[in-house]
């Protein structure tokens, strides 16, 4: 039964339901990424700062290593999270009008 469900969504039909499945998967990922960027941007910042601490050569080569440590990076992440949610809204509107 699961294989038949997968086969329906993997048909090579351009107007078939796989475009809705792809939009759904992309929307879920954007919702999760947007939520993390809006609510917990410090997690992402800490992860990048730790990566730069482990690899100092990478930190010297990266033009963004100084920007990652500032408060402006938190604002940038929140803007990216808001943009991700806006894209999900546009996807939902586009798929709603097509159904």
C-alpha atoms as a PDB file:
ATOM      1  CA  UNK A   1       0.000   0.000   0.000  1.00  0.00           C
ATOM      2  CA  UNK A   2       2.832   2.405   0.818  1.00  0.00           C
ATOM      3  CA  UNK A   3       4.530   1.612  -2.478  1.00  0.00           C
ATOM      4  CA  UNK A   4       1.375   2.409  -4.415  1.00  0.00           C
ATOM      5  CA  UNK A   5       1.119   5.755  -2.602  1.00  0.00           C
ATOM      6  CA  UNK A   6       4.751   6.543  -3.471  1.00  0.00           C
ATOM      7  CA  UNK A   7       4.233   5.428  -7.075  1.00  0.00           C
ATOM      8  CA  UNK A   8       1.320   7.822  -7.500  1.00  0.00           C
ATOM      9  CA  UNK A   9       3.436  10.778  -6.416  1.00  0.00           C
ATOM     10  CA  UNK A  10       6.474   9.754  -8.473  1.00  0.00           C
ATOM     11  CA  UNK A  11       4.671   9.469 -11.804  1.00  0.00           C
ATOM     12  CA  UNK A  12       6.313  11.504 -14.557  1.00  0.00           C
ATOM     13  CA  UNK A  13       3.084  13.454 -15.143  1.00  0.00           C
ATOM     14  CA  UNK A  14       3.767  17.195 -15.016  1.00  0.00           C
ATOM     15  CA  UNK A  15       0.232  18.087 -13.976  1.00  0.00           C
ATOM     16  CA  UNK A  16      -0.025  15.222 -11.498  1.00  0.00           C
ATOM     17  CA  UNK A  17      -0.138  15.301  -7.734  1.00  0.00           C
ATOM     18  CA  UNK A  18       3.659  15.191  -7.290  1.00  0.00           C
ATOM     19  CA  UNK A  19       3.860  18.962  -7.633  1.00  0.00           C
ATOM     20  CA  UNK A  20       1.541  19.281  -4.642  1.00  0.00           C
ATOM     21  CA  UNK A  21       3.624  16.772  -2.700  1.00  0.00           C
ATOM     22  CA  UNK A  22       6.790  18.723  -3.490  1.00  0.00           C
ATOM     23  CA  UNK A  23       5.109  21.947  -2.403  1.00  0.00           C
ATOM     24  CA  UNK A  24       3.935  20.301   0.806  1.00  0.00           C
ATOM     25  CA  UNK A  25       7.415  18.985   1.628  1.00  0.00           C
ATOM     26  CA  UNK A  26       9.005  22.333   0.833  1.00  0.00           C
ATOM     27  CA  UNK A  27       6.378  24.131   2.905  1.00  0.00           C
ATOM     28  CA  UNK A  28       7.019  21.913   5.929  1.00  0.00           C
ATOM     29  CA  UNK A  29      10.775  22.506   5.732  1.00  0.00           C
ATOM     30  CA  UNK A  30      10.264  26.253   5.370  1.00  0.00           C
ATOM     31  CA  UNK A  31       7.863  26.297   8.334  1.00  0.00           C
ATOM     32  CA  UNK A  32      10.401  24.495  10.522  1.00  0.00           C
ATOM     33  CA  UNK A  33      13.342  26.631   9.386  1.00  0.00           C
ATOM     34  CA  UNK A  34      11.298  29.810   9.743  1.00  0.00           C
ATOM     35  CA  UNK A  35      10.180  28.827  13.231  1.00  0.00           C
ATOM     36  CA  UNK A  36      13.747  28.146  14.359  1.00  0.00           C
ATOM     37  CA  UNK A  37      15.004  31.385  12.813  1.00  0.00           C
ATOM     38  CA  UNK A  38      12.237  33.429  14.430  1.00  0.00           C
ATOM     39  CA  UNK A  39      12.083  31.854  17.867  1.00  0.00           C
ATOM     40  CA  UNK A  40      15.588  30.479  18.521  1.00  0.00           C
ATOM     41  CA  UNK A  41      18.154  32.306  16.336  1.00  0.00           C
ATOM     42  CA  UNK A  42      20.789  32.018  19.070  1.00  0.00           C
ATOM     43  CA  UNK A  43      21.026  28.267  18.409  1.00  0.00           C
ATOM     44  CA  UNK A  44      22.101  28.915  14.821  1.00  0.00           C
ATOM     45  CA  UNK A  45      24.486  31.672  15.867  1.00  0.00           C
ATOM     46  CA  UNK A  46      26.104  29.473  18.532  1.00  0.00           C
ATOM     47  CA  UNK A  47      26.507  26.655  16.035  1.00  0.00           C
ATOM     48  CA  UNK A  48      28.329  28.909  13.563  1.00  0.00           C
ATOM     49  CA  UNK A  49      30.522  30.489  16.238  1.00  0.00           C
ATOM     50  CA  UNK A  50      31.517  27.026  17.490  1.00  0.00           C
ATOM     51  CA  UNK A  51      32.339  25.979  13.939  1.00  0.00           C
ATOM     52  CA  UNK A  52      34.548  29.030  13.482  1.00  0.00           C
ATOM     53  CA  UNK A  53      36.255  28.273  16.824  1.00  0.00           C
ATOM     54  CA  UNK A  54      37.008  24.701  15.722  1.00  0.00           C
ATOM     55  CA  UNK A  55      38.296  25.794  12.300  1.00  0.00           C
ATOM     56  CA  UNK A  56      40.183  29.100  12.618  1.00  0.00           C
ATOM     57  CA  UNK A  57      41.400  28.950   9.002  1.00  0.00           C
ATOM     58  CA  UNK A  58      37.797  28.899   7.839  1.00  0.00           C
ATOM     59  CA  UNK A  59      37.038  31.865  10.098  1.00  0.00           C
ATOM     60  CA  UNK A  60      39.900  33.862   8.590  1.00  0.00           C
ATOM     61  CA  UNK A  61      38.779  33.084   5.038  1.00  0.00           C
ATOM     62  CA  UNK A  62      35.102  33.793   5.618  1.00  0.00           C
ATOM     63  CA  UNK A  63      34.027  37.399   5.105  1.00  0.00           C
ATOM     64  CA  UNK A  64      31.027  36.797   7.397  1.00  0.00           C
ATOM     65  CA  UNK A  65      32.858  35.488  10.467  1.00  0.00           C
ATOM     66  CA  UNK A  66      32.782  38.884  12.155  1.00  0.00           C
ATOM     67  CA  UNK A  67      29.144  39.498  11.252  1.00  0.00           C
ATOM     68  CA  UNK A  68      28.048  36.160  12.735  1.00  0.00           C
ATOM     69  CA  UNK A  69      29.190  37.280  16.185  1.00  0.00           C
ATOM     70  CA  UNK A  70      27.126  40.496  16.207  1.00  0.00           C
ATOM     71  CA  UNK A  71      23.548  41.213  17.168  1.00  0.00           C
ATOM     72  CA  UNK A  72      22.834  42.154  13.558  1.00  0.00           C
ATOM     73  CA  UNK A  73      23.093  38.479  12.640  1.00  0.00           C
ATOM     74  CA  UNK A  74      20.189  37.707  14.991  1.00  0.00           C
ATOM     75  CA  UNK A  75      18.090  40.334  13.222  1.00  0.00           C
ATOM     76  CA  UNK A  76      19.143  38.873   9.857  1.00  0.00           C
ATOM     77  CA  UNK A  77      18.065  35.378  10.958  1.00  0.00           C
ATOM     78  CA  UNK A  78      14.703  36.684  12.127  1.00  0.00           C
ATOM     79  CA  UNK A  79      14.202  38.412   8.776  1.00  0.00           C
ATOM     80  CA  UNK A  80      15.030  35.140   7.020  1.00  0.00           C
ATOM     81  CA  UNK A  81      12.509  33.313   9.218  1.00  0.00           C
ATOM     82  CA  UNK A  82       9.811  35.848   8.409  1.00  0.00           C
ATOM     83  CA  UNK A  83      10.619  35.572   4.715  1.00  0.00           C
ATOM     84  CA  UNK A  84      10.374  31.772   4.921  1.00  0.00           C
ATOM     85  CA  UNK A  85       6.892  32.059   6.420  1.00  0.00           C
ATOM     86  CA  UNK A  86       5.892  34.549   3.708  1.00  0.00           C
ATOM     87  CA  UNK A  87       7.011  32.052   1.065  1.00  0.00           C
ATOM     88  CA  UNK A  88       4.894  29.361   2.731  1.00  0.00           C
ATOM     89  CA  UNK A  89       1.944  31.736   2.606  1.00  0.00           C
ATOM     90  CA  UNK A  90       2.476  32.371  -1.099  1.00  0.00           C
ATOM     91  CA  UNK A  91       2.750  28.618  -1.733  1.00  0.00           C
ATOM     92  CA  UNK A  92      -0.450  27.967   0.185  1.00  0.00           C
ATOM     93  CA  UNK A  93      -2.258  30.690  -1.738  1.00  0.00           C
ATOM     94  CA  UNK A  94      -0.933  29.404  -5.079  1.00  0.00           C
ATOM     95  CA  UNK A  95      -1.953  25.821  -4.380  1.00  0.00           C
ATOM     96  CA  UNK A  96      -5.336  26.893  -2.994  1.00  0.00           C
ATOM     97  CA  UNK A  97      -6.209  28.752  -6.180  1.00  0.00           C
ATOM     98  CA  UNK A  98      -5.091  25.821  -8.355  1.00  0.00           C
ATOM     99  CA  UNK A  99      -7.175  23.148  -6.662  1.00  0.00           C
END
